[in-house]
Amino acid sequence: MSTTTTETTTETNPVTNTVAAQALSADTVPADYVLDHLDHLESEAIHIFREVAGEFERPVILFSGGKDSVVMVHLARKAFAPAPLPFPLLHVDTGHNFPEVLDYRDATVARLGARLVVAQVQDYLNDGRLRERADGTRNPLQTVPLLDAIEENRFDAVFGGGRRDEEKARAKERVFSLRDAFGAWDPRRQRPELWDLYNGRHTAGEHVRVFPLSNWTELDVWRYIAREDIELPEIYYAHEREVFQRDGMWLTAGEWGGPKAAETTETRLVRYRTVGDMSCTGAVESDATDVEAVILEVAASRLTERGATRADDRLSEAAMEDRKRQGYF
């Protein structure tokens, strides 16, 4: 496990920052300023970040360099501007991550001066605590390193980028999701959250997963990225890549899982809707080279990004829920 610490600098835009705009005097807020759908989502997420900061002692943000975690960090910075980002970042590195995404992660950490905790799946494979799966997929292997990192650093609140539209098991989550002393999730222990009142009570050894983007959709995320001019890893936009087809997905070739004997690589114009372990994260054919084109593409899609491009979610009908019960994201 490794950490990186430097100074943090924070920028804010008082016009697009709803909460900041509400705090300004009436003379500084445009008379015709009207809150839209994204403003309400942003305000709710900022409220959640501030609630956690006031209620917990050692929160952390799960940060993979994927679009949802990037938006979370952006919102957290807005929530506490002009102060530095008050939470460290945690990434569980499978060892099969896209190089472009890792480069983006490291550049973002350096730019923000944040503390980054990295839990390496490869470390667990090296010392025998985990074994490589027959299919080469490492996403399911992230659970143990994640739970160990939470326990070792005594994190009591863990921000995740889960959205209720991406997978049916995610829709069962509350914004504050209690996890027991073993990191396990039980839907029957979910607490009511009436009137945006969140219950973070937990006993020693337990922690709470927090989902500020619960009420966002994939399209909301992309529209917010466009509005806030948020930079993303380049693989979210169309580019030429050597890929091979398996189970209706275009996968990147690698020593961990392909191509197999009957599969051939070819150059395709593709982009990624979600980023994870390269062995199970598929690309989609696309000519969307900028954020506006991606928004049009997502608006026309009838498949969630996980359902369309994540092989690990196809292992069973309840694959995600099973992993969540064991402590997965």
C-alpha atoms as a PDB file:
ATOM      1  CA  MET A   1       0.000   0.000   0.000  1.00  0.00           C
ATOM      2  CA  SER A   2       1.370   3.442  -0.890  1.00  0.00           C
ATOM      3  CA  THR A   3       0.448   7.032  -0.137  1.00  0.00           C
ATOM      4  CA  THR A   4       1.180  10.351  -1.791  1.00  0.00           C
ATOM      5  CA  THR A   5       0.822  13.733  -0.091  1.00  0.00           C
ATOM      6  CA  THR A   6       1.326  17.244  -1.448  1.00  0.00           C
ATOM      7  CA  GLU A   7      -0.289  20.669  -1.166  1.00  0.00           C
ATOM      8  CA  THR A   8      -3.878  21.202  -2.329  1.00  0.00           C
ATOM      9  CA  THR A   9      -5.171  24.110  -4.383  1.00  0.00           C
ATOM     10  CA  THR A  10      -8.887  24.647  -4.966  1.00  0.00           C
ATOM     11  CA  GLU A  11     -10.783  26.634  -7.574  1.00  0.00           C
ATOM     12  CA  THR A  12     -14.474  27.488  -7.547  1.00  0.00           C
ATOM     13  CA  ASN A  13     -17.008  29.070  -9.840  1.00  0.00           C
ATOM     14  CA  PRO A  14     -19.612  31.017  -7.794  1.00  0.00           C
ATOM     15  CA  VAL A  15     -22.039  31.125 -10.731  1.00  0.00           C
ATOM     16  CA  THR A  16     -22.262  27.365 -11.295  1.00  0.00           C
ATOM     17  CA  ASN A  17     -21.722  26.505  -7.631  1.00  0.00           C
ATOM     18  CA  THR A  18     -25.287  26.535  -6.340  1.00  0.00           C
ATOM     19  CA  VAL A  19     -24.407  26.358  -2.667  1.00  0.00           C
ATOM     20  CA  ALA A  20     -21.801  29.084  -2.952  1.00  0.00           C
ATOM     21  CA  ALA A  21     -24.235  31.243  -4.912  1.00  0.00           C
ATOM     22  CA  GLN A  22     -26.877  30.825  -2.178  1.00  0.00           C
ATOM     23  CA  ALA A  23     -24.333  32.018   0.385  1.00  0.00           C
ATOM     24  CA  LEU A  24     -23.627  35.230  -1.520  1.00  0.00           C
ATOM     25  CA  SER A  25     -25.547  38.435  -0.884  1.00  0.00           C
ATOM     26  CA  ALA A  26     -28.585  39.253  -3.003  1.00  0.00           C
ATOM     27  CA  ASP A  27     -26.562  41.929  -4.772  1.00  0.00           C
ATOM     28  CA  THR A  28     -24.056  39.400  -6.166  1.00  0.00           C
ATOM     29  CA  VAL A  29     -26.507  36.732  -7.392  1.00  0.00           C
ATOM     30  CA  PRO A  30     -27.990  37.419 -10.839  1.00  0.00           C
ATOM     31  CA  ALA A  31     -31.641  38.430 -10.532  1.00  0.00           C
ATOM     32  CA  ASP A  32     -32.647  35.936 -13.239  1.00  0.00           C
ATOM     33  CA  TYR A  33     -30.687  33.009 -11.755  1.00  0.00           C
ATOM     34  CA  VAL A  34     -32.952  29.939 -11.819  1.00  0.00           C
ATOM     35  CA  LEU A  35     -32.000  26.563 -10.337  1.00  0.00           C
ATOM     36  CA  ASP A  36     -32.142  23.745 -12.857  1.00  0.00           C
ATOM     37  CA  HIS A  37     -32.053  19.961 -12.489  1.00  0.00           C
ATOM     38  CA  LEU A  38     -28.255  19.824 -12.289  1.00  0.00           C
ATOM     39  CA  ASP A  39     -28.215  22.586  -9.680  1.00  0.00           C
ATOM     40  CA  HIS A  40     -30.502  20.538  -7.443  1.00  0.00           C
ATOM     41  CA  LEU A  41     -28.389  17.405  -7.860  1.00  0.00           C
ATOM     42  CA  GLU A  42     -25.223  19.363  -7.140  1.00  0.00           C
ATOM     43  CA  SER A  43     -26.746  20.984  -4.064  1.00  0.00           C
ATOM     44  CA  GLU A  44     -27.884  17.605  -2.700  1.00  0.00           C
ATOM     45  CA  ALA A  45     -24.435  16.063  -3.235  1.00  0.00           C
ATOM     46  CA  ILE A  46     -22.675  18.998  -1.578  1.00  0.00           C
ATOM     47  CA  HIS A  47     -25.061  18.715   1.369  1.00  0.00           C
ATOM     48  CA  ILE A  48     -24.140  15.010   1.684  1.00  0.00           C
ATOM     49  CA  PHE A  49     -20.408  15.752   1.676  1.00  0.00           C
ATOM     50  CA  ARG A  50     -20.853  18.362   4.393  1.00  0.00           C
ATOM     51  CA  GLU A  51     -23.043  16.049   6.478  1.00  0.00           C
ATOM     52  CA  VAL A  52     -20.359  13.383   6.385  1.00  0.00           C
ATOM     53  CA  ALA A  53     -17.636  15.872   7.293  1.00  0.00           C
ATOM     54  CA  GLY A  54     -19.631  16.897  10.352  1.00  0.00           C
ATOM     55  CA  GLU A  55     -20.686  13.404  11.429  1.00  0.00           C
ATOM     56  CA  PHE A  56     -17.659  11.183  10.811  1.00  0.00           C
ATOM     57  CA  GLU A  57     -14.030  11.301  11.887  1.00  0.00           C
ATOM     58  CA  ARG A  58     -12.126   9.628   9.007  1.00  0.00           C
ATOM     59  CA  PRO A  59     -13.982   9.755   5.674  1.00  0.00           C
ATOM     60  CA  VAL A  60     -12.336   8.738   2.384  1.00  0.00           C
ATOM     61  CA  ILE A  61     -13.325   9.037  -1.288  1.00  0.00           C
ATOM     62  CA  LEU A  62     -13.018   6.000  -3.556  1.00  0.00           C
ATOM     63  CA  PHE A  63     -11.171   7.365  -6.577  1.00  0.00           C
ATOM     64  CA  SER A  64     -10.363   5.232  -9.602  1.00  0.00           C
ATOM     65  CA  GLY A  65     -10.064   7.970 -12.226  1.00  0.00           C
ATOM     66  CA  GLY A  66     -13.457   6.933 -13.626  1.00  0.00           C
ATOM     67  CA  LYS A  67     -15.992   9.595 -14.517  1.00  0.00           C
ATOM     68  CA  ASP A  68     -18.224   9.146 -11.450  1.00  0.00           C
ATOM     69  CA  SER A  69     -15.340   9.345  -8.990  1.00  0.00           C
ATOM     70  CA  VAL A  70     -13.979  12.364 -10.875  1.00  0.00           C
ATOM     71  CA  VAL A  71     -17.346  14.120 -10.483  1.00  0.00           C
ATOM     72  CA  MET A  72     -17.393  13.180  -6.780  1.00  0.00           C
ATOM     73  CA  VAL A  73     -14.026  14.808  -6.198  1.00  0.00           C
ATOM     74  CA  HIS A  74     -15.149  17.899  -8.112  1.00  0.00           C
ATOM     75  CA  LEU A  75     -18.249  18.147  -5.892  1.00  0.00           C
ATOM     76  CA  ALA A  76     -16.231  17.608  -2.715  1.00  0.00           C
ATOM     77  CA  ARG A  77     -13.900  20.441  -3.664  1.00  0.00           C
ATOM     78  CA  LYS A  78     -16.893  22.707  -4.227  1.00  0.00           C
ATOM     79  CA  ALA A  79     -18.391  21.695  -0.899  1.00  0.00           C
ATOM     80  CA  PHE A  80     -15.398  23.006   1.053  1.00  0.00           C
ATOM     81  CA  ALA A  81     -13.929  25.726  -1.179  1.00  0.00           C
ATOM     82  CA  PRO A  82     -11.756  27.646  -0.687  1.00  0.00           C
ATOM     83  CA  ALA A  83     -10.389  25.159   1.877  1.00  0.00           C
ATOM     84  CA  PRO A  84      -8.355  22.194   0.632  1.00  0.00           C
ATOM     85  CA  LEU A  85     -10.038  18.877  -0.094  1.00  0.00           C
ATOM     86  CA  PRO A  86     -10.529  17.482   3.445  1.00  0.00           C
ATOM     87  CA  PHE A  87     -10.651  13.788   2.523  1.00  0.00           C
ATOM     88  CA  PRO A  88      -7.964  11.398   1.276  1.00  0.00           C
ATOM     89  CA  LEU A  89      -8.538   9.307  -1.853  1.00  0.00           C
ATOM     90  CA  LEU A  90      -8.526   5.504  -1.978  1.00  0.00           C
ATOM     91  CA  HIS A  91      -7.978   3.360  -5.071  1.00  0.00           C
ATOM     92  CA  VAL A  92      -7.981  -0.436  -5.247  1.00  0.00           C
ATOM     93  CA  ASP A  93      -5.614  -1.163  -8.130  1.00  0.00           C
ATOM     94  CA  THR A  94      -6.280  -4.527  -9.801  1.00  0.00           C
ATOM     95  CA  GLY A  95      -3.009  -4.451 -11.718  1.00  0.00           C
ATOM     96  CA  HIS A  96      -5.037  -4.577 -14.941  1.00  0.00           C
ATOM     97  CA  ASN A  97      -6.134  -0.953 -14.957  1.00  0.00           C
ATOM     98  CA  PHE A  98      -6.036   1.106 -18.132  1.00  0.00           C
ATOM     99  CA  PRO A  99      -2.710   2.985 -18.256  1.00  0.00           C
ATOM    100  CA  GLU A 100      -4.480   6.148 -19.425  1.00  0.00           C
ATOM    101  CA  VAL A 101      -6.683   6.079 -16.335  1.00  0.00           C
ATOM    102  CA  LEU A 102      -3.783   5.540 -13.936  1.00  0.00           C
ATOM    103  CA  ASP A 103      -1.920   8.439 -15.555  1.00  0.00           C
ATOM    104  CA  TYR A 104      -5.005  10.606 -15.103  1.00  0.00           C
ATOM    105  CA  ARG A 105      -5.379   9.477 -11.468  1.00  0.00           C
ATOM    106  CA  ASP A 106      -1.796  10.366 -10.613  1.00  0.00           C
ATOM    107  CA  ALA A 107      -1.945  13.701 -12.432  1.00  0.00           C
ATOM    108  CA  THR A 108      -5.152  14.619 -10.582  1.00  0.00           C
ATOM    109  CA  VAL A 109      -3.689  13.710  -7.196  1.00  0.00           C
ATOM    110  CA  ALA A 110      -0.604  15.804  -7.936  1.00  0.00           C
ATOM    111  CA  ARG A 111      -2.698  18.748  -9.116  1.00  0.00           C
ATOM    112  CA  LEU A 112      -4.945  18.685  -6.046  1.00  0.00           C
ATOM    113  CA  GLY A 113      -2.184  17.890  -3.585  1.00  0.00           C
ATOM    114  CA  ALA A 114      -4.369  15.126  -2.185  1.00  0.00           C
ATOM    115  CA  ARG A 115      -3.340  12.094  -0.158  1.00  0.00           C
ATOM    116  CA  LEU A 116      -3.770   8.901  -2.178  1.00  0.00           C
ATOM    117  CA  VAL A 117      -3.988   5.448  -0.595  1.00  0.00           C
ATOM    118  CA  VAL A 118      -3.512   2.608  -3.094  1.00  0.00           C
ATOM    119  CA  ALA A 119      -4.385  -0.979  -2.216  1.00  0.00           C
ATOM    120  CA  GLN A 120      -2.741  -3.360  -4.697  1.00  0.00           C
ATOM    121  CA  VAL A 121      -4.482  -6.617  -5.662  1.00  0.00           C
ATOM    122  CA  GLN A 122      -1.104  -7.829  -6.966  1.00  0.00           C
ATOM    123  CA  ASP A 123       0.317  -7.706  -3.430  1.00  0.00           C
ATOM    124  CA  TYR A 124      -2.343 -10.159  -2.296  1.00  0.00           C
ATOM    125  CA  LEU A 125      -1.650 -12.469  -5.217  1.00  0.00           C
ATOM    126  CA  ASN A 126       2.077 -12.369  -4.539  1.00  0.00           C
ATOM    127  CA  ASP A 127       1.789 -13.478  -0.919  1.00  0.00           C
ATOM    128  CA  GLY A 128      -1.032 -15.968  -1.437  1.00  0.00           C
ATOM    129  CA  ARG A 129      -3.838 -14.111   0.312  1.00  0.00           C
ATOM    130  CA  LEU A 130      -5.721 -14.186  -3.019  1.00  0.00           C
ATOM    131  CA  ARG A 131      -5.584 -16.482  -6.026  1.00  0.00           C
ATOM    132  CA  GLU A 132      -5.871 -15.528  -9.681  1.00  0.00           C
ATOM    133  CA  ARG A 133      -9.241 -16.435 -11.162  1.00  0.00           C
ATOM    134  CA  ALA A 134      -9.418 -18.892 -14.045  1.00  0.00           C
ATOM    135  CA  ASP A 135     -11.043 -16.260 -16.274  1.00  0.00           C
ATOM    136  CA  GLY A 136      -8.318 -13.707 -15.489  1.00  0.00           C
ATOM    137  CA  THR A 137     -10.839 -11.158 -14.197  1.00  0.00           C
ATOM    138  CA  ARG A 138      -9.642  -9.286 -11.142  1.00  0.00           C
ATOM    139  CA  ASN A 139     -12.628  -7.045 -10.365  1.00  0.00           C
ATOM    140  CA  PRO A 140     -14.075  -9.576  -7.876  1.00  0.00           C
ATOM    141  CA  LEU A 141     -10.657  -9.708  -6.164  1.00  0.00           C
ATOM    142  CA  GLN A 142     -10.867  -6.060  -5.070  1.00  0.00           C
ATOM    143  CA  THR A 143     -13.080  -6.728  -2.043  1.00  0.00           C
ATOM    144  CA  VAL A 144     -10.424  -8.035   0.379  1.00  0.00           C
ATOM    145  CA  PRO A 145      -7.851  -5.274  -0.340  1.00  0.00           C
ATOM    146  CA  LEU A 146     -10.626  -2.686  -0.038  1.00  0.00           C
ATOM    147  CA  LEU A 147     -11.797  -3.957   3.346  1.00  0.00           C
ATOM    148  CA  ASP A 148      -8.216  -4.251   4.611  1.00  0.00           C
ATOM    149  CA  ALA A 149      -7.468  -0.655   3.553  1.00  0.00           C
ATOM    150  CA  ILE A 150     -10.604   0.568   5.332  1.00  0.00           C
ATOM    151  CA  GLU A 151      -9.655  -1.279   8.516  1.00  0.00           C
ATOM    152  CA  GLU A 152      -5.966  -0.340   8.415  1.00  0.00           C
ATOM    153  CA  ASN A 153      -6.701   3.362   7.941  1.00  0.00           C
ATOM    154  CA  ARG A 154      -9.734   3.305  10.252  1.00  0.00           C
ATOM    155  CA  PHE A 155     -11.957   4.918   7.633  1.00  0.00           C
ATOM    156  CA  ASP A 156     -15.478   5.221   9.052  1.00  0.00           C
ATOM    157  CA  ALA A 157     -17.205   6.695   5.975  1.00  0.00           C
ATOM    158  CA  VAL A 158     -16.351   5.682   2.418  1.00  0.00           C
ATOM    159  CA  PHE A 159     -17.698   7.761  -0.475  1.00  0.00           C
ATOM    160  CA  GLY A 160     -18.578   5.720  -3.567  1.00  0.00           C
ATOM    161  CA  GLY A 161     -19.780   6.785  -7.000  1.00  0.00           C
ATOM    162  CA  GLY A 162     -22.643   4.284  -7.271  1.00  0.00           C
ATOM    163  CA  ARG A 163     -25.784   5.497  -9.021  1.00  0.00           C
ATOM    164  CA  ARG A 164     -29.186   3.851  -8.830  1.00  0.00           C
ATOM    165  CA  ASP A 165     -29.590   3.665 -12.603  1.00  0.00           C
ATOM    166  CA  GLU A 166     -26.424   1.664 -13.325  1.00  0.00           C
ATOM    167  CA  GLU A 167     -27.375  -1.739 -11.845  1.00  0.00           C
ATOM    168  CA  LYS A 168     -30.432  -3.085 -10.030  1.00  0.00           C
ATOM    169  CA  ALA A 169     -28.520  -3.972  -6.842  1.00  0.00           C
ATOM    170  CA  ARG A 170     -27.351  -0.346  -6.637  1.00  0.00           C
ATOM    171  CA  ALA A 171     -30.995   0.746  -6.559  1.00  0.00           C
ATOM    172  CA  LYS A 172     -31.418  -0.991  -3.190  1.00  0.00           C
ATOM    173  CA  GLU A 173     -28.855   1.262  -1.546  1.00  0.00           C
ATOM    174  CA  ARG A 174     -29.611   4.272   0.588  1.00  0.00           C
ATOM    175  CA  VAL A 175     -27.383   7.338   0.448  1.00  0.00           C
ATOM    176  CA  PHE A 176     -25.884   6.194   3.769  1.00  0.00           C
ATOM    177  CA  SER A 177     -25.352   2.429   3.528  1.00  0.00           C
ATOM    178  CA  LEU A 178     -24.306   0.704   6.760  1.00  0.00           C
ATOM    179  CA  ARG A 179     -21.674  -2.042   6.505  1.00  0.00           C
ATOM    180  CA  ASP A 180     -21.040  -4.466   9.362  1.00  0.00           C
ATOM    181  CA  ALA A 181     -17.727  -5.310  11.015  1.00  0.00           C
ATOM    182  CA  PHE A 182     -16.910  -7.629   8.110  1.00  0.00           C
ATOM    183  CA  GLY A 183     -17.718  -4.972   5.503  1.00  0.00           C
ATOM    184  CA  ALA A 184     -20.863  -6.849   4.433  1.00  0.00           C
ATOM    185  CA  TRP A 185     -24.025  -5.190   3.166  1.00  0.00           C
ATOM    186  CA  ASP A 186     -27.488  -6.334   4.235  1.00  0.00           C
ATOM    187  CA  PRO A 187     -30.427  -4.682   2.403  1.00  0.00           C
ATOM    188  CA  ARG A 188     -32.647  -5.391   5.414  1.00  0.00           C
ATOM    189  CA  ARG A 189     -30.528  -3.063   7.549  1.00  0.00           C
ATOM    190  CA  GLN A 190     -31.031  -0.071   5.289  1.00  0.00           C
ATOM    191  CA  ARG A 191     -32.346   2.927   7.201  1.00  0.00           C
ATOM    192  CA  PRO A 192     -35.108   5.373   6.239  1.00  0.00           C
ATOM    193  CA  GLU A 193     -33.880   8.675   4.822  1.00  0.00           C
ATOM    194  CA  LEU A 194     -36.893  10.941   5.034  1.00  0.00           C
ATOM    195  CA  TRP A 195     -36.499  14.651   4.300  1.00  0.00           C
ATOM    196  CA  ASP A 196     -32.788  14.186   3.514  1.00  0.00           C
ATOM    197  CA  LEU A 197     -32.033  13.190   7.098  1.00  0.00           C
ATOM    198  CA  TYR A 198     -29.143  10.723   7.102  1.00  0.00           C
ATOM    199  CA  ASN A 199     -28.338   8.342   9.950  1.00  0.00           C
ATOM    200  CA  GLY A 200     -24.625   7.654  10.209  1.00  0.00           C
ATOM    201  CA  ARG A 201     -24.766   5.835  13.545  1.00  0.00           C
ATOM    202  CA  HIS A 202     -22.448   2.821  13.639  1.00  0.00           C
ATOM    203  CA  THR A 203     -20.630   0.749  16.210  1.00  0.00           C
ATOM    204  CA  ALA A 204     -16.902   0.055  16.511  1.00  0.00           C
ATOM    205  CA  GLY A 205     -15.685  -1.915  13.501  1.00  0.00           C
ATOM    206  CA  GLU A 206     -18.616  -0.921  11.298  1.00  0.00           C
ATOM    207  CA  HIS A 207     -18.455   1.769   8.641  1.00  0.00           C
ATOM    208  CA  VAL A 208     -20.828   3.552   6.293  1.00  0.00           C
ATOM    209  CA  ARG A 209     -20.666   3.697   2.501  1.00  0.00           C
ATOM    210  CA  VAL A 210     -21.939   7.045   1.230  1.00  0.00           C
ATOM    211  CA  PHE A 211     -23.294   7.623  -2.277  1.00  0.00           C
ATOM    212  CA  PRO A 212     -23.607  11.342  -3.147  1.00  0.00           C
ATOM    213  CA  LEU A 213     -24.582  10.518  -6.763  1.00  0.00           C
ATOM    214  CA  SER A 214     -27.459   8.226  -5.815  1.00  0.00           C
ATOM    215  CA  ASN A 215     -30.058  10.331  -7.632  1.00  0.00           C
ATOM    216  CA  TRP A 216     -27.912  11.013 -10.698  1.00  0.00           C
ATOM    217  CA  THR A 217     -28.141   9.175 -14.003  1.00  0.00           C
ATOM    218  CA  GLU A 218     -25.351   8.541 -16.493  1.00  0.00           C
ATOM    219  CA  LEU A 219     -26.797  11.338 -18.612  1.00  0.00           C
ATOM    220  CA  ASP A 220     -26.826  13.708 -15.614  1.00  0.00           C
ATOM    221  CA  VAL A 221     -23.166  12.939 -14.996  1.00  0.00           C
ATOM    222  CA  TRP A 222     -22.219  13.725 -18.584  1.00  0.00           C
ATOM    223  CA  ARG A 223     -24.280  16.919 -18.676  1.00  0.00           C
ATOM    224  CA  TYR A 224     -22.614  18.025 -15.461  1.00  0.00           C
ATOM    225  CA  ILE A 225     -19.176  17.217 -16.883  1.00  0.00           C
ATOM    226  CA  ALA A 226     -20.037  19.409 -19.862  1.00  0.00           C
ATOM    227  CA  ARG A 227     -21.369  22.252 -17.721  1.00  0.00           C
ATOM    228  CA  GLU A 228     -18.407  22.240 -15.352  1.00  0.00           C
ATOM    229  CA  ASP A 229     -15.830  21.598 -18.099  1.00  0.00           C
ATOM    230  CA  ILE A 230     -14.399  18.637 -16.182  1.00  0.00           C
ATOM    231  CA  GLU A 231     -11.437  16.862 -17.758  1.00  0.00           C
ATOM    232  CA  LEU A 232     -11.653  13.058 -18.065  1.00  0.00           C
ATOM    233  CA  PRO A 233      -9.292  10.259 -19.135  1.00  0.00           C
ATOM    234  CA  GLU A 234      -9.103  10.238 -22.932  1.00  0.00           C
ATOM    235  CA  ILE A 235     -10.507   6.704 -23.280  1.00  0.00           C
ATOM    236  CA  TYR A 236     -13.990   8.041 -22.490  1.00  0.00           C
ATOM    237  CA  TYR A 237     -13.938   9.553 -25.989  1.00  0.00           C
ATOM    238  CA  ALA A 238     -13.714   7.797 -29.350  1.00  0.00           C
ATOM    239  CA  HIS A 239     -10.232   6.635 -30.351  1.00  0.00           C
ATOM    240  CA  GLU A 240      -8.702   3.839 -32.393  1.00  0.00           C
ATOM    241  CA  ARG A 241      -7.757   0.761 -30.365  1.00  0.00           C
ATOM    242  CA  GLU A 242      -6.727  -2.850 -30.946  1.00  0.00           C
ATOM    243  CA  VAL A 243      -9.640  -4.896 -29.611  1.00  0.00           C
ATOM    244  CA  PHE A 244     -11.218  -8.326 -29.952  1.00  0.00           C
ATOM    245  CA  GLN A 245     -14.857  -9.360 -29.605  1.00  0.00           C
ATOM    246  CA  ARG A 246     -16.214 -11.602 -26.864  1.00  0.00           C
ATOM    247  CA  ASP A 247     -19.807 -11.936 -25.617  1.00  0.00           C
ATOM    248  CA  GLY A 248     -20.845  -8.910 -27.645  1.00  0.00           C
ATOM    249  CA  MET A 249     -18.153  -6.668 -26.158  1.00  0.00           C
ATOM    250  CA  TRP A 250     -14.949  -5.209 -27.581  1.00  0.00           C
ATOM    251  CA  LEU A 251     -12.149  -6.048 -25.130  1.00  0.00           C
ATOM    252  CA  THR A 252      -8.570  -4.828 -25.090  1.00  0.00           C
ATOM    253  CA  ALA A 253      -6.031  -7.581 -25.720  1.00  0.00           C
ATOM    254  CA  GLY A 254      -3.835  -8.576 -22.795  1.00  0.00           C
ATOM    255  CA  GLU A 255      -1.965 -11.500 -21.296  1.00  0.00           C
ATOM    256  CA  TRP A 256      -4.681 -11.907 -18.650  1.00  0.00           C
ATOM    257  CA  GLY A 257      -7.562 -12.934 -20.874  1.00  0.00           C
ATOM    258  CA  GLY A 258      -7.266 -12.842 -24.598  1.00  0.00           C
ATOM    259  CA  PRO A 259      -7.681 -13.040 -27.364  1.00  0.00           C
ATOM    260  CA  LYS A 260      -8.183 -16.800 -27.314  1.00  0.00           C
ATOM    261  CA  ALA A 261      -7.577 -19.138 -30.241  1.00  0.00           C
ATOM    262  CA  ALA A 262     -10.786 -18.337 -32.104  1.00  0.00           C
ATOM    263  CA  GLU A 263     -10.636 -14.601 -31.390  1.00  0.00           C
ATOM    264  CA  THR A 264      -8.747 -12.089 -33.511  1.00  0.00           C
ATOM    265  CA  THR A 265      -7.786  -8.517 -32.805  1.00  0.00           C
ATOM    266  CA  GLU A 266      -8.726  -5.651 -35.066  1.00  0.00           C
ATOM    267  CA  THR A 267      -8.508  -1.893 -35.008  1.00  0.00           C
ATOM    268  CA  ARG A 268     -11.811  -0.221 -34.170  1.00  0.00           C
ATOM    269  CA  LEU A 269     -12.988   3.290 -33.355  1.00  0.00           C
ATOM    270  CA  VAL A 270     -14.282   2.843 -29.815  1.00  0.00           C
ATOM    271  CA  ARG A 271     -14.773   4.543 -26.494  1.00  0.00           C
ATOM    272  CA  TYR A 272     -15.385   3.352 -22.934  1.00  0.00           C
ATOM    273  CA  ARG A 273     -18.566   4.151 -21.022  1.00  0.00           C
ATOM    274  CA  THR A 274     -17.069   2.868 -17.783  1.00  0.00           C
ATOM    275  CA  VAL A 275     -13.498   2.018 -16.758  1.00  0.00           C
ATOM    276  CA  GLY A 276     -12.399  -0.844 -14.527  1.00  0.00           C
ATOM    277  CA  ASP A 277     -10.339  -3.983 -14.868  1.00  0.00           C
ATOM    278  CA  MET A 278      -9.234  -4.267 -18.510  1.00  0.00           C
ATOM    279  CA  SER A 279      -9.993  -7.985 -18.582  1.00  0.00           C
ATOM    280  CA  CYS A 280     -13.732  -7.470 -18.132  1.00  0.00           C
ATOM    281  CA  THR A 281     -14.454  -3.892 -19.236  1.00  0.00           C
ATOM    282  CA  GLY A 282     -15.643  -3.617 -22.814  1.00  0.00           C
ATOM    283  CA  ALA A 283     -15.611  -0.703 -25.222  1.00  0.00           C
ATOM    284  CA  VAL A 284     -18.460   0.401 -27.476  1.00  0.00           C
ATOM    285  CA  GLU A 285     -18.091   1.390 -31.096  1.00  0.00           C
ATOM    286  CA  SER A 286     -18.457   5.149 -31.254  1.00  0.00           C
ATOM    287  CA  ASP A 287     -17.464   8.259 -33.148  1.00  0.00           C
ATOM    288  CA  ALA A 288     -18.163  10.537 -30.159  1.00  0.00           C
ATOM    289  CA  THR A 289     -14.913  12.463 -29.819  1.00  0.00           C
ATOM    290  CA  ASP A 290     -16.165  15.228 -27.507  1.00  0.00           C
ATOM    291  CA  VAL A 291     -18.518  15.645 -24.578  1.00  0.00           C
ATOM    292  CA  GLU A 292     -21.428  16.984 -26.620  1.00  0.00           C
ATOM    293  CA  ALA A 293     -21.340  13.950 -28.906  1.00  0.00           C
ATOM    294  CA  VAL A 294     -21.166  11.617 -25.906  1.00  0.00           C
ATOM    295  CA  ILE A 295     -24.242  13.266 -24.380  1.00  0.00           C
ATOM    296  CA  LEU A 296     -26.221  12.641 -27.577  1.00  0.00           C
ATOM    297  CA  GLU A 297     -25.014   9.026 -27.648  1.00  0.00           C
ATOM    298  CA  VAL A 298     -25.895   8.368 -23.995  1.00  0.00           C
ATOM    299  CA  ALA A 299     -29.302  10.009 -24.380  1.00  0.00           C
ATOM    300  CA  ALA A 300     -30.127   7.601 -27.204  1.00  0.00           C
ATOM    301  CA  SER A 301     -28.866   4.480 -25.384  1.00  0.00           C
ATOM    302  CA  ARG A 302     -31.254   2.008 -23.766  1.00  0.00           C
ATOM    303  CA  LEU A 303     -28.553   0.000 -21.975  1.00  0.00           C
ATOM    304  CA  THR A 304     -26.740   0.996 -18.784  1.00  0.00           C
ATOM    305  CA  GLU A 305     -22.984   1.296 -19.057  1.00  0.00           C
ATOM    306  CA  ARG A 306     -22.392  -1.625 -16.695  1.00  0.00           C
ATOM    307  CA  GLY A 307     -24.978  -3.863 -18.346  1.00  0.00           C
ATOM    308  CA  ALA A 308     -23.513  -3.184 -21.763  1.00  0.00           C
ATOM    309  CA  THR A 309     -19.780  -3.293 -21.053  1.00  0.00           C
ATOM    310  CA  ARG A 310     -18.945  -5.110 -17.800  1.00  0.00           C
ATOM    311  CA  ALA A 311     -18.448  -8.860 -18.073  1.00  0.00           C
ATOM    312  CA  ASP A 312     -18.160  -9.296 -14.293  1.00  0.00           C
ATOM    313  CA  ASP A 313     -21.779  -8.168 -13.921  1.00  0.00           C
ATOM    314  CA  ARG A 314     -22.861 -11.003 -16.217  1.00  0.00           C
ATOM    315  CA  LEU A 315     -21.462 -13.809 -14.060  1.00  0.00           C
ATOM    316  CA  SER A 316     -24.930 -14.377 -12.579  1.00  0.00           C
ATOM    317  CA  GLU A 317     -28.311 -12.659 -12.311  1.00  0.00           C
ATOM    318  CA  ALA A 318     -27.323 -11.326  -8.887  1.00  0.00           C
ATOM    319  CA  ALA A 319     -23.570 -10.918  -9.464  1.00  0.00           C
ATOM    320  CA  MET A 320     -23.353  -7.342  -8.188  1.00  0.00           C
ATOM    321  CA  GLU A 321     -25.591  -7.953  -5.189  1.00  0.00           C
ATOM    322  CA  ASP A 322     -23.591 -11.023  -4.193  1.00  0.00           C
ATOM    323  CA  ARG A 323     -20.353  -9.013  -4.301  1.00  0.00           C
ATOM    324  CA  LYS A 324     -21.892  -6.131  -2.378  1.00  0.00           C
ATOM    325  CA  ARG A 325     -22.979  -8.497   0.398  1.00  0.00           C
ATOM    326  CA  GLN A 326     -19.324  -9.528   0.702  1.00  0.00           C
ATOM    327  CA  GLY A 327     -18.100  -5.936   0.970  1.00  0.00           C
ATOM    328  CA  TYR A 328     -17.647  -4.833  -2.666  1.00  0.00           C
ATOM    329  CA  PHE A 329     -18.212  -1.219  -3.728  1.00  0.00           C
END
